[in-house]
PDB file of N, CA and C in Angstrom:
ATOM      1  N   UNK A   1     134.560  91.914  76.808  1.00  0.00           N
ATOM      2  CA  UNK A   1     133.406  91.689  77.659  1.00  0.00           C
ATOM      3  C   UNK A   1     133.885  91.061  78.967  1.00  0.00           C
ATOM      4  N   UNK A   2     133.508  91.656  80.071  1.00  0.00           N
ATOM      5  CA  UNK A   2     133.958  91.128  81.359  1.00  0.00           C
ATOM      6  C   UNK A   2     132.780  90.678  82.201  1.00  0.00           C
ATOM      7  N   UNK A   3     133.086  89.939  83.232  1.00  0.00           N
ATOM      8  CA  UNK A   3     132.053  89.477  84.150  1.00  0.00           C
ATOM      9  C   UNK A   3     131.467  90.658  84.915  1.00  0.00           C
ATOM     10  N   UNK A   4     130.295  90.448  85.447  1.00  0.00           N
ATOM     11  CA  UNK A   4     129.664  91.465  86.271  1.00  0.00           C
ATOM     12  C   UNK A   4     130.430  91.614  87.579  1.00  0.00           C
ATOM     13  N   UNK A   5     130.510  92.836  88.068  1.00  0.00           N
ATOM     14  CA  UNK A   5     131.184  93.092  89.347  1.00  0.00           C
ATOM     15  C   UNK A   5     130.326  92.565  90.490  1.00  0.00           C
ATOM     16  N   UNK A   6     130.915  92.490  91.671  1.00  0.00           N
ATOM     17  CA  UNK A   6     130.169  92.043  92.851  1.00  0.00           C
ATOM     18  C   UNK A   6     128.976  92.968  93.114  1.00  0.00           C
ATOM     19  N   UNK A   7     129.174  94.275  92.983  1.00  0.00           N
ATOM     20  CA  UNK A   7     128.070  95.217  93.190  1.00  0.00           C
ATOM     21  C   UNK A   7     126.965  95.015  92.156  1.00  0.00           C
ATOM     22  N   UNK A   8     127.343  94.821  90.903  1.00  0.00           N
ATOM     23  CA  UNK A   8     126.341  94.595  89.858  1.00  0.00           C
ATOM     24  C   UNK A   8     125.577  93.296  90.114  1.00  0.00           C
ATOM     25  N   UNK A   9     126.287  92.260  90.523  1.00  0.00           N
ATOM     26  CA  UNK A   9     125.623  90.985  90.828  1.00  0.00           C
ATOM     27  C   UNK A   9     124.645  91.154  91.989  1.00  0.00           C
ATOM     28  N   UNK A  10     125.036  91.909  93.015  1.00  0.00           N
ATOM     29  CA  UNK A  10     124.140  92.151  94.145  1.00  0.00           C
ATOM     30  C   UNK A  10     122.896  92.908  93.739  1.00  0.00           C
ATOM     31  N   UNK A  11     123.082  93.925  92.921  1.00  0.00           N
ATOM     32  CA  UNK A  11     121.943  94.708  92.431  1.00  0.00           C
ATOM     33  C   UNK A  11     121.029  93.841  91.578  1.00  0.00           C
ATOM     34  N   UNK A  12     121.622  93.082  90.674  1.00  0.00           N
ATOM     35  CA  UNK A  12     120.822  92.225  89.796  1.00  0.00           C
ATOM     36  C   UNK A  12     120.096  91.144  90.592  1.00  0.00           C
ATOM     37  N   UNK A  13     120.756  90.546  91.575  1.00  0.00           N
ATOM     38  CA  UNK A  13     120.111  89.510  92.390  1.00  0.00           C
ATOM     39  C   UNK A  13     118.910  90.075  93.137  1.00  0.00           C
ATOM     40  N   UNK A  14     119.058  91.271  93.691  1.00  0.00           N
ATOM     41  CA  UNK A  14     117.937  91.900  94.399  1.00  0.00           C
ATOM     42  C   UNK A  14     116.784  92.188  93.441  1.00  0.00           C
ATOM     43  N   UNK A  15     117.118  92.623  92.232  1.00  0.00           N
ATOM     44  CA  UNK A  15     116.084  92.945  91.250  1.00  0.00           C
ATOM     45  C   UNK A  15     115.365  91.693  90.759  1.00  0.00           C
ATOM     46  N   UNK A  16     116.115  90.657  90.401  1.00  0.00           N
ATOM     47  CA  UNK A  16     115.450  89.460  89.875  1.00  0.00           C
ATOM     48  C   UNK A  16     114.634  88.763  90.958  1.00  0.00           C
ATOM     49  N   UNK A  17     115.035  88.923  92.214  1.00  0.00           N
ATOM     50  CA  UNK A  17     114.250  88.356  93.311  1.00  0.00           C
ATOM     51  C   UNK A  17     112.893  89.044  93.415  1.00  0.00           C
ATOM     52  N   UNK A  18     112.828  90.301  93.029  1.00  0.00           N
ATOM     53  CA  UNK A  18     111.548  91.011  92.993  1.00  0.00           C
ATOM     54  C   UNK A  18     110.710  90.562  91.799  1.00  0.00           C
ATOM     55  N   UNK A  19     111.366  90.264  90.698  1.00  0.00           N
ATOM     56  CA  UNK A  19     110.655  89.883  89.472  1.00  0.00           C
ATOM     57  C   UNK A  19     109.947  88.546  89.660  1.00  0.00           C
ATOM     58  N   UNK A  20     110.686  87.551  90.179  1.00  0.00           N
ATOM     59  CA  UNK A  20     110.085  86.237  90.434  1.00  0.00           C
ATOM     60  C   UNK A  20     110.584  85.755  91.801  1.00  0.00           C
ATOM     61  N   UNK A  21     109.828  86.056  92.842  1.00  0.00           N
ATOM     62  CA  UNK A  21     110.224  85.604  94.182  1.00  0.00           C
ATOM     63  C   UNK A  21     109.927  84.111  94.376  1.00  0.00           C
ATOM     64  N   UNK A  22     110.557  83.533  95.375  1.00  0.00           N
ATOM     65  CA  UNK A  22     110.284  82.139  95.724  1.00  0.00           C
ATOM     66  C   UNK A  22     108.834  82.011  96.174  1.00  0.00           C
ATOM     67  N   UNK A  23     108.275  80.821  95.999  1.00  0.00           N
ATOM     68  CA  UNK A  23     106.904  80.566  96.427  1.00  0.00           C
ATOM     69  C   UNK A  23     106.845  79.299  97.265  1.00  0.00           C
ATOM     70  N   UNK A  24     106.536  79.455  98.536  1.00  0.00           N
ATOM     71  CA  UNK A  24     106.344  78.291  99.404  1.00  0.00           C
ATOM     72  C   UNK A  24     105.079  77.538  98.989  1.00  0.00           C
ATOM     73  N   UNK A  25     104.084  78.273  98.561  1.00  0.00           N
ATOM     74  CA  UNK A  25     102.812  77.655  98.152  1.00  0.00           C
ATOM     75  C   UNK A  25     103.020  76.648  97.022  1.00  0.00           C
ATOM     76  N   UNK A  26     103.837  77.020  96.049  1.00  0.00           N
ATOM     77  CA  UNK A  26     104.077  76.143  94.901  1.00  0.00           C
ATOM     78  C   UNK A  26     105.393  75.384  95.011  1.00  0.00           C
ATOM     79  N   UNK A  27     106.108  75.582  96.120  1.00  0.00           N
ATOM     80  CA  UNK A  27     107.378  74.906  96.386  1.00  0.00           C
ATOM     81  C   UNK A  27     108.370  75.099  95.234  1.00  0.00           C
ATOM     82  N   UNK A  28     108.540  76.359  94.831  1.00  0.00           N
ATOM     83  CA  UNK A  28     109.509  76.676  93.780  1.00  0.00           C
ATOM     84  C   UNK A  28     110.446  77.775  94.268  1.00  0.00           C
ATOM     85  N   UNK A  29     111.672  77.721  93.785  1.00  0.00           N
ATOM     86  CA  UNK A  29     112.618  78.768  94.164  1.00  0.00           C
ATOM     87  C   UNK A  29     112.302  80.066  93.430  1.00  0.00           C
ATOM     88  N   UNK A  30     112.888  81.138  93.904  1.00  0.00           N
ATOM     89  CA  UNK A  30     112.803  82.408  93.199  1.00  0.00           C
ATOM     90  C   UNK A  30     113.918  82.503  92.178  1.00  0.00           C
ATOM     91  N   UNK A  31     113.885  83.550  91.403  1.00  0.00           N
ATOM     92  CA  UNK A  31     114.909  83.695  90.365  1.00  0.00           C
ATOM     93  C   UNK A  31     116.280  84.081  90.922  1.00  0.00           C
ATOM     94  N   UNK A  32     116.357  84.421  92.217  1.00  0.00           N
ATOM     95  CA  UNK A  32     117.653  84.684  92.833  1.00  0.00           C
ATOM     96  C   UNK A  32     118.277  83.411  93.402  1.00  0.00           C
ATOM     97  N   UNK A  33     117.600  82.274  93.245  1.00  0.00           N
ATOM     98  CA  UNK A  33     118.167  80.981  93.633  1.00  0.00           C
ATOM     99  C   UNK A  33     119.541  80.849  92.969  1.00  0.00           C
ATOM    100  N   UNK A  34     120.533  80.327  93.676  1.00  0.00           N
ATOM    101  CA  UNK A  34     121.894  80.290  93.107  1.00  0.00           C
ATOM    102  C   UNK A  34     122.008  79.654  91.721  1.00  0.00           C
ATOM    103  N   UNK A  35     121.339  78.540  91.481  1.00  0.00           N
ATOM    104  CA  UNK A  35     121.444  77.890  90.171  1.00  0.00           C
ATOM    105  C   UNK A  35     120.770  78.722  89.083  1.00  0.00           C
ATOM    106  N   UNK A  36     119.601  79.244  89.390  1.00  0.00           N
ATOM    107  CA  UNK A  36     118.883  80.070  88.409  1.00  0.00           C
ATOM    108  C   UNK A  36     119.634  81.371  88.174  1.00  0.00           C
ATOM    109  N   UNK A  37     120.130  81.972  89.252  1.00  0.00           N
ATOM    110  CA  UNK A  37     120.852  83.237  89.103  1.00  0.00           C
ATOM    111  C   UNK A  37     122.132  83.055  88.301  1.00  0.00           C
ATOM    112  N   UNK A  38     122.809  81.930  88.468  1.00  0.00           N
ATOM    113  CA  UNK A  38     124.012  81.662  87.664  1.00  0.00           C
ATOM    114  C   UNK A  38     123.655  81.615  86.181  1.00  0.00           C
ATOM    115  N   UNK A  39     122.514  81.029  85.849  1.00  0.00           N
ATOM    116  CA  UNK A  39     122.052  80.986  84.464  1.00  0.00           C
ATOM    117  C   UNK A  39     121.719  82.390  83.964  1.00  0.00           C
ATOM    118  N   UNK A  40     121.084  83.190  84.811  1.00  0.00           N
ATOM    119  CA  UNK A  40     120.781  84.575  84.446  1.00  0.00           C
ATOM    120  C   UNK A  40     122.068  85.331  84.150  1.00  0.00           C
ATOM    121  N   UNK A  41     123.053  85.203  85.025  1.00  0.00           N
ATOM    122  CA  UNK A  41     124.334  85.896  84.806  1.00  0.00           C
ATOM    123  C   UNK A  41     124.993  85.449  83.507  1.00  0.00           C
ATOM    124  N   UNK A  42     124.920  84.174  83.229  1.00  0.00           N
ATOM    125  CA  UNK A  42     125.511  83.660  81.993  1.00  0.00           C
ATOM    126  C   UNK A  42     124.818  84.241  80.768  1.00  0.00           C
ATOM    127  N   UNK A  43     123.496  84.205  80.751  1.00  0.00           N
ATOM    128  CA  UNK A  43     122.749  84.763  79.623  1.00  0.00           C
ATOM    129  C   UNK A  43     122.930  86.275  79.508  1.00  0.00           C
ATOM    130  N   UNK A  44     123.001  86.936  80.650  1.00  0.00           N
ATOM    131  CA  UNK A  44     123.123  88.398  80.662  1.00  0.00           C
ATOM    132  C   UNK A  44     124.453  88.865  80.066  1.00  0.00           C
ATOM    133  N   UNK A  45     125.443  87.998  80.012  1.00  0.00           N
ATOM    134  CA  UNK A  45     126.733  88.380  79.431  1.00  0.00           C
ATOM    135  C   UNK A  45     126.593  88.836  77.980  1.00  0.00           C
ATOM    136  N   UNK A  46     125.602  88.330  77.287  1.00  0.00           N
ATOM    137  CA  UNK A  46     125.383  88.742  75.892  1.00  0.00           C
ATOM    138  C   UNK A  46     125.041  90.232  75.795  1.00  0.00           C
ATOM    139  N   UNK A  47     124.550  90.779  76.900  1.00  0.00           N
ATOM    140  CA  UNK A  47     124.132  92.185  76.949  1.00  0.00           C
ATOM    141  C   UNK A  47     124.926  92.927  78.016  1.00  0.00           C
ATOM    142  N   UNK A  48     126.164  92.515  78.244  1.00  0.00           N
ATOM    143  CA  UNK A  48     126.967  92.982  79.372  1.00  0.00           C
ATOM    144  C   UNK A  48     127.033  94.504  79.479  1.00  0.00           C
ATOM    145  N   UNK A  49     127.379  95.162  78.416  1.00  0.00           N
ATOM    146  CA  UNK A  49     127.548  96.622  78.469  1.00  0.00           C
ATOM    147  C   UNK A  49     126.229  97.318  78.797  1.00  0.00           C
ATOM    148  N   UNK A  50     125.189  96.943  78.083  1.00  0.00           N
ATOM    149  CA  UNK A  50     123.877  97.574  78.301  1.00  0.00           C
ATOM    150  C   UNK A  50     123.370  97.308  79.723  1.00  0.00           C
ATOM    151  N   UNK A  51     123.493  96.078  80.183  1.00  0.00           N
ATOM    152  CA  UNK A  51     122.996  95.760  81.512  1.00  0.00           C
ATOM    153  C   UNK A  51     123.858  96.383  82.601  1.00  0.00           C
ATOM    154  N   UNK A  52     125.153  96.498  82.363  1.00  0.00           N
ATOM    155  CA  UNK A  52     126.005  97.184  83.331  1.00  0.00           C
ATOM    156  C   UNK A  52     125.567  98.631  83.510  1.00  0.00           C
ATOM    157  N   UNK A  53     125.254  99.293  82.402  1.00  0.00           N
ATOM    158  CA  UNK A  53     124.770 100.677  82.465  1.00  0.00           C
ATOM    159  C   UNK A  53     123.404 100.747  83.155  1.00  0.00           C
ATOM    160  N   UNK A  54     122.535  99.785  82.863  1.00  0.00           N
ATOM    161  CA  UNK A  54     121.206  99.775  83.480  1.00  0.00           C
ATOM    162  C   UNK A  54     121.301  99.553  84.987  1.00  0.00           C
ATOM    163  N   UNK A  55     122.153  98.639  85.407  1.00  0.00           N
ATOM    164  CA  UNK A  55     122.309  98.381  86.842  1.00  0.00           C
ATOM    165  C   UNK A  55     122.926  99.578  87.553  1.00  0.00           C
ATOM    166  N   UNK A  56     123.842 100.272  86.889  1.00  0.00           N
ATOM    167  CA  UNK A  56     124.421 101.494  87.464  1.00  0.00           C
ATOM    168  C   UNK A  56     123.333 102.564  87.608  1.00  0.00           C
ATOM    169  N   UNK A  57     122.455 102.668  86.621  1.00  0.00           N
ATOM    170  CA  UNK A  57     121.357 103.644  86.686  1.00  0.00           C
ATOM    171  C   UNK A  57     120.389 103.287  87.811  1.00  0.00           C
ATOM    172  N   UNK A  58     120.103 102.007  87.979  1.00  0.00           N
ATOM    173  CA  UNK A  58     119.219 101.573  89.061  1.00  0.00           C
ATOM    174  C   UNK A  58     119.838 101.901  90.417  1.00  0.00           C
ATOM    175  N   UNK A  59     121.117 101.638  90.562  1.00  0.00           N
ATOM    176  CA  UNK A  59     121.804 101.986  91.813  1.00  0.00           C
ATOM    177  C   UNK A  59     121.803 103.493  92.053  1.00  0.00           C
ATOM    178  N   UNK A  60     121.984 104.269  90.992  1.00  0.00           N
ATOM    179  CA  UNK A  60     121.974 105.728  91.134  1.00  0.00           C
ATOM    180  C   UNK A  60     120.592 106.218  91.583  1.00  0.00           C
ATOM    181  N   UNK A  61     119.538 105.639  91.029  1.00  0.00           N
ATOM    182  CA  UNK A  61     118.191 105.996  91.462  1.00  0.00           C
ATOM    183  C   UNK A  61     118.002 105.678  92.940  1.00  0.00           C
ATOM    184  N   UNK A  62     118.506 104.527  93.367  1.00  0.00           N
ATOM    185  CA  UNK A  62     118.383 104.126  94.775  1.00  0.00           C
ATOM    186  C   UNK A  62     119.150 105.084  95.676  1.00  0.00           C
ATOM    187  N   UNK A  63     120.349 105.447  95.260  1.00  0.00           N
ATOM    188  CA  UNK A  63     121.164 106.367  96.069  1.00  0.00           C
ATOM    189  C   UNK A  63     120.531 107.751  96.139  1.00  0.00           C
ATOM    190  N   UNK A  64     119.990 108.212  95.018  1.00  0.00           N
ATOM    191  CA  UNK A  64     119.340 109.520  95.007  1.00  0.00           C
ATOM    192  C   UNK A  64     118.121 109.540  95.933  1.00  0.00           C
ATOM    193  N   UNK A  65     117.367 108.463  95.936  1.00  0.00           N
ATOM    194  CA  UNK A  65     116.133 108.413  96.721  1.00  0.00           C
ATOM    195  C   UNK A  65     116.352 108.050  98.182  1.00  0.00           C
ATOM    196  N   UNK A  66     117.350 107.182  98.449  1.00  0.00           N
ATOM    197  CA  UNK A  66     117.473 106.625  99.798  1.00  0.00           C
ATOM    198  C   UNK A  66     118.893 106.631 100.364  1.00  0.00           C
ATOM    199  N   UNK A  67     119.863 107.085  99.591  1.00  0.00           N
ATOM    200  CA  UNK A  67     121.230 107.175 100.094  1.00  0.00           C
ATOM    201  C   UNK A  67     121.966 105.863 100.193  1.00  0.00           C
ATOM    202  N   UNK A  68     121.466 104.833  99.538  1.00  0.00           N
ATOM    203  CA  UNK A  68     122.118 103.522  99.572  1.00  0.00           C
ATOM    204  C   UNK A  68     121.906 102.833  98.236  1.00  0.00           C
ATOM    205  N   UNK A  69     122.763 101.870  97.931  1.00  0.00           N
ATOM    206  CA  UNK A  69     122.612 101.101  96.710  1.00  0.00           C
ATOM    207  C   UNK A  69     121.350 100.254  96.745  1.00  0.00           C
ATOM    208  N   UNK A  70     120.889  99.851  95.584  1.00  0.00           N
ATOM    209  CA  UNK A  70     119.637  99.115  95.456  1.00  0.00           C
ATOM    210  C   UNK A  70     119.616  97.853  96.316  1.00  0.00           C
ATOM    211  N   UNK A  71     120.697  97.104  96.331  1.00  0.00           N
ATOM    212  CA  UNK A  71     120.744  95.844  97.084  1.00  0.00           C
ATOM    213  C   UNK A  71     120.626  96.073  98.587  1.00  0.00           C
ATOM    214  N   UNK A  72     120.944  97.275  99.054  1.00  0.00           N
ATOM    215  CA  UNK A  72     120.903  97.579 100.484  1.00  0.00           C
ATOM    216  C   UNK A  72     119.564  98.161 100.948  1.00  0.00           C
ATOM    217  N   UNK A  73     118.640  98.345 100.033  1.00  0.00           N
ATOM    218  CA  UNK A  73     117.341  98.921 100.391  1.00  0.00           C
ATOM    219  C   UNK A  73     116.396  97.859 100.944  1.00  0.00           C
ATOM    220  N   UNK A  74     115.394  98.311 101.659  1.00  0.00           N
ATOM    221  CA  UNK A  74     114.322  97.416 102.098  1.00  0.00           C
ATOM    222  C   UNK A  74     113.443  97.089 100.891  1.00  0.00           C
ATOM    223  N   UNK A  75     112.623  96.075 101.042  1.00  0.00           N
ATOM    224  CA  UNK A  75     111.720  95.692  99.954  1.00  0.00           C
ATOM    225  C   UNK A  75     110.801  96.856  99.573  1.00  0.00           C
ATOM    226  N   UNK A  76     110.296  97.573 100.555  1.00  0.00           N
ATOM    227  CA  UNK A  76     109.427  98.709 100.273  1.00  0.00           C
ATOM    228  C   UNK A  76     110.132  99.811  99.509  1.00  0.00           C
ATOM    229  N   UNK A  77     111.359 100.102  99.891  1.00  0.00           N
ATOM    230  CA  UNK A  77     112.131 101.127  99.190  1.00  0.00           C
ATOM    231  C   UNK A  77     112.437 100.690  97.764  1.00  0.00           C
ATOM    232  N   UNK A  78     112.743  99.426  97.590  1.00  0.00           N
ATOM    233  CA  UNK A  78     113.052  98.920  96.244  1.00  0.00           C
ATOM    234  C   UNK A  78     111.867  99.084  95.309  1.00  0.00           C
ATOM    235  N   UNK A  79     110.659  98.901  95.835  1.00  0.00           N
ATOM    236  CA  UNK A  79     109.475  99.010  94.990  1.00  0.00           C
ATOM    237  C   UNK A  79     109.357 100.363  94.316  1.00  0.00           C
ATOM    238  N   UNK A  80     109.542 101.427  95.076  1.00  0.00           N
ATOM    239  CA  UNK A  80     109.474 102.768  94.500  1.00  0.00           C
ATOM    240  C   UNK A  80     110.580 103.026  93.493  1.00  0.00           C
ATOM    241  N   UNK A  81     111.762 102.536  93.797  1.00  0.00           N
ATOM    242  CA  UNK A  81     112.896 102.721  92.886  1.00  0.00           C
ATOM    243  C   UNK A  81     112.662 101.957  91.583  1.00  0.00           C
ATOM    244  N   UNK A  82     112.146 100.738  91.683  1.00  0.00           N
ATOM    245  CA  UNK A  82     111.900  99.985  90.451  1.00  0.00           C
ATOM    246  C   UNK A  82     110.785 100.605  89.617  1.00  0.00           C
ATOM    247  N   UNK A  83     109.805 101.225  90.269  1.00  0.00           N
ATOM    248  CA  UNK A  83     108.768 101.928  89.511  1.00  0.00           C
ATOM    249  C   UNK A  83     109.386 103.043  88.672  1.00  0.00           C
ATOM    250  N   UNK A  84     110.284 103.800  89.280  1.00  0.00           N
ATOM    251  CA  UNK A  84     110.963 104.875  88.560  1.00  0.00           C
ATOM    252  C   UNK A  84     111.848 104.311  87.456  1.00  0.00           C
ATOM    253  N   UNK A  85     112.553 103.231  87.755  1.00  0.00           N
ATOM    254  CA  UNK A  85     113.428 102.587  86.771  1.00  0.00           C
ATOM    255  C   UNK A  85     112.630 102.123  85.558  1.00  0.00           C
ATOM    256  N   UNK A  86     111.498 101.474  85.798  1.00  0.00           N
ATOM    257  CA  UNK A  86     110.661 101.002  84.681  1.00  0.00           C
ATOM    258  C   UNK A  86     110.128 102.170  83.860  1.00  0.00           C
ATOM    259  N   UNK A  87     109.815 103.273  84.520  1.00  0.00           N
ATOM    260  CA  UNK A  87     109.284 104.440  83.811  1.00  0.00           C
ATOM    261  C   UNK A  87     110.348 105.147  82.983  1.00  0.00           C
ATOM    262  N   UNK A  88     111.581 105.146  83.462  1.00  0.00           N
ATOM    263  CA  UNK A  88     112.642 105.899  82.786  1.00  0.00           C
ATOM    264  C   UNK A  88     113.526 105.034  81.893  1.00  0.00           C
ATOM    265  N   UNK A  89     113.529 103.745  82.110  1.00  0.00           N
ATOM    266  CA  UNK A  89     114.392 102.831  81.345  1.00  0.00           C
ATOM    267  C   UNK A  89     113.603 101.570  80.998  1.00  0.00           C
ATOM    268  N   UNK A  90     112.469 101.767  80.368  1.00  0.00           N
ATOM    269  CA  UNK A  90     111.555 100.657  80.076  1.00  0.00           C
ATOM    270  C   UNK A  90     112.228  99.548  79.263  1.00  0.00           C
ATOM    271  N   UNK A  91     113.023  99.916  78.296  1.00  0.00           N
ATOM    272  CA  UNK A  91     113.697  98.905  77.470  1.00  0.00           C
ATOM    273  C   UNK A  91     114.649  98.045  78.281  1.00  0.00           C
ATOM    274  N   UNK A  92     115.408  98.681  79.159  1.00  0.00           N
ATOM    275  CA  UNK A  92     116.334  97.930  80.013  1.00  0.00           C
ATOM    276  C   UNK A  92     115.575  97.061  81.005  1.00  0.00           C
ATOM    277  N   UNK A  93     114.512  97.596  81.575  1.00  0.00           N
ATOM    278  CA  UNK A  93     113.692  96.823  82.508  1.00  0.00           C
ATOM    279  C   UNK A  93     113.092  95.607  81.801  1.00  0.00           C
ATOM    280  N   UNK A  94     112.640  95.799  80.585  1.00  0.00           N
ATOM    281  CA  UNK A  94     112.078  94.699  79.806  1.00  0.00           C
ATOM    282  C   UNK A  94     113.113  93.631  79.484  1.00  0.00           C
ATOM    283  N   UNK A  95     114.326  94.058  79.161  1.00  0.00           N
ATOM    284  CA  UNK A  95     115.393  93.107  78.873  1.00  0.00           C
ATOM    285  C   UNK A  95     115.717  92.274  80.114  1.00  0.00           C
ATOM    286  N   UNK A  96     115.828  92.923  81.257  1.00  0.00           N
ATOM    287  CA  UNK A  96     116.123  92.202  82.494  1.00  0.00           C
ATOM    288  C   UNK A  96     114.998  91.229  82.820  1.00  0.00           C
ATOM    289  N   UNK A  97     113.764  91.651  82.655  1.00  0.00           N
ATOM    290  CA  UNK A  97     112.625  90.765  82.918  1.00  0.00           C
ATOM    291  C   UNK A  97     112.616  89.575  81.960  1.00  0.00           C
ATOM    292  N   UNK A  98     112.927  89.809  80.700  1.00  0.00           N
ATOM    293  CA  UNK A  98     112.935  88.727  79.710  1.00  0.00           C
ATOM    294  C   UNK A  98     114.021  87.704  80.010  1.00  0.00           C
ATOM    295  N   UNK A  99     115.224  88.169  80.303  1.00  0.00           N
ATOM    296  CA  UNK A  99     116.319  87.255  80.637  1.00  0.00           C
ATOM    297  C   UNK A  99     115.966  86.462  81.896  1.00  0.00           C
ATOM    298  N   UNK A 100     115.401  87.147  82.877  1.00  0.00           N
ATOM    299  CA  UNK A 100     115.025  86.489  84.130  1.00  0.00           C
ATOM    300  C   UNK A 100     113.988  85.396  83.882  1.00  0.00           C
ATOM    301  N   UNK A 101     112.934  85.720  83.171  1.00  0.00           N
ATOM    302  CA  UNK A 101     111.870  84.745  82.918  1.00  0.00           C
ATOM    303  C   UNK A 101     112.382  83.563  82.099  1.00  0.00           C
ATOM    304  N   UNK A 102     113.175  83.843  81.086  1.00  0.00           N
ATOM    305  CA  UNK A 102     113.713  82.769  80.243  1.00  0.00           C
ATOM    306  C   UNK A 102     114.528  81.788  81.077  1.00  0.00           C
ATOM    307  N   UNK A 103     115.403  82.302  81.902  1.00  0.00           N
ATOM    308  CA  UNK A 103     116.252  81.424  82.717  1.00  0.00           C
ATOM    309  C   UNK A 103     115.446  80.721  83.802  1.00  0.00           C
ATOM    310  N   UNK A 104     114.508  81.419  84.389  1.00  0.00           N
ATOM    311  CA  UNK A 104     113.691  80.840  85.451  1.00  0.00           C
ATOM    312  C   UNK A 104     112.920  79.625  84.939  1.00  0.00           C
ATOM    313  N   UNK A 105     112.298  79.767  83.802  1.00  0.00           N
ATOM    314  CA  UNK A 105     111.457  78.689  83.292  1.00  0.00           C
ATOM    315  C   UNK A 105     112.246  77.587  82.590  1.00  0.00           C
ATOM    316  N   UNK A 106     113.552  77.717  82.535  1.00  0.00           N
ATOM    317  CA  UNK A 106     114.414  76.618  82.073  1.00  0.00           C
ATOM    318  C   UNK A 106     114.780  75.682  83.216  1.00  0.00           C
ATOM    319  N   UNK A 107     114.577  76.135  84.434  1.00  0.00           N
ATOM    320  CA  UNK A 107     114.967  75.354  85.597  1.00  0.00           C
ATOM    321  C   UNK A 107     114.027  74.158  85.773  1.00  0.00           C
ATOM    322  N   UNK A 108     114.604  72.971  85.930  1.00  0.00           N
ATOM    323  CA  UNK A 108     113.802  71.751  86.055  1.00  0.00           C
ATOM    324  C   UNK A 108     112.859  71.791  87.247  1.00  0.00           C
ATOM    325  N   UNK A 109     113.296  72.378  88.357  1.00  0.00           N
ATOM    326  CA  UNK A 109     112.432  72.433  89.540  1.00  0.00           C
ATOM    327  C   UNK A 109     111.178  73.255  89.266  1.00  0.00           C
ATOM    328  N   UNK A 110     111.358  74.308  88.527  1.00  0.00           N
ATOM    329  CA  UNK A 110     110.224  75.170  88.188  1.00  0.00           C
ATOM    330  C   UNK A 110     109.301  74.442  87.206  1.00  0.00           C
ATOM    331  N   UNK A 111     109.874  73.840  86.212  1.00  0.00           N
ATOM    332  CA  UNK A 111     109.066  73.152  85.213  1.00  0.00           C
ATOM    333  C   UNK A 111     108.341  71.945  85.807  1.00  0.00           C
ATOM    334  N   UNK A 112     108.951  71.259  86.754  1.00  0.00           N
ATOM    335  CA  UNK A 112     108.313  70.114  87.408  1.00  0.00           C
ATOM    336  C   UNK A 112     107.128  70.527  88.251  1.00  0.00           C
ATOM    337  N   UNK A 113     107.138  71.753  88.735  1.00  0.00           N
ATOM    338  CA  UNK A 113     106.035  72.182  89.604  1.00  0.00           C
ATOM    339  C   UNK A 113     104.776  72.406  88.781  1.00  0.00           C
TER     340      UNK A 113
END
């Protein structure tokens, strides 16, 4: 089992930022916050192979639709790609969402809010 590549980390960071973005209203970070994202990466190692394949599929969808990797897309472009990803890889999308939420709500700043 190896660590996620830089490209995989970029794709995952862009995706988790969509799942739980920062909120100025509630003064909480998003799930791409460095401390929270480090926890996500650590937990995601348990599913390294599956998530590596899922992130590669997400990047492939982005390239097919827009000619660029997921992390390089605009927020609007990412939305359409994630809709397709959820429709075609629901189990993987659910796993990523579950890991993201679990790590996000373990963060003291989030829980204090």
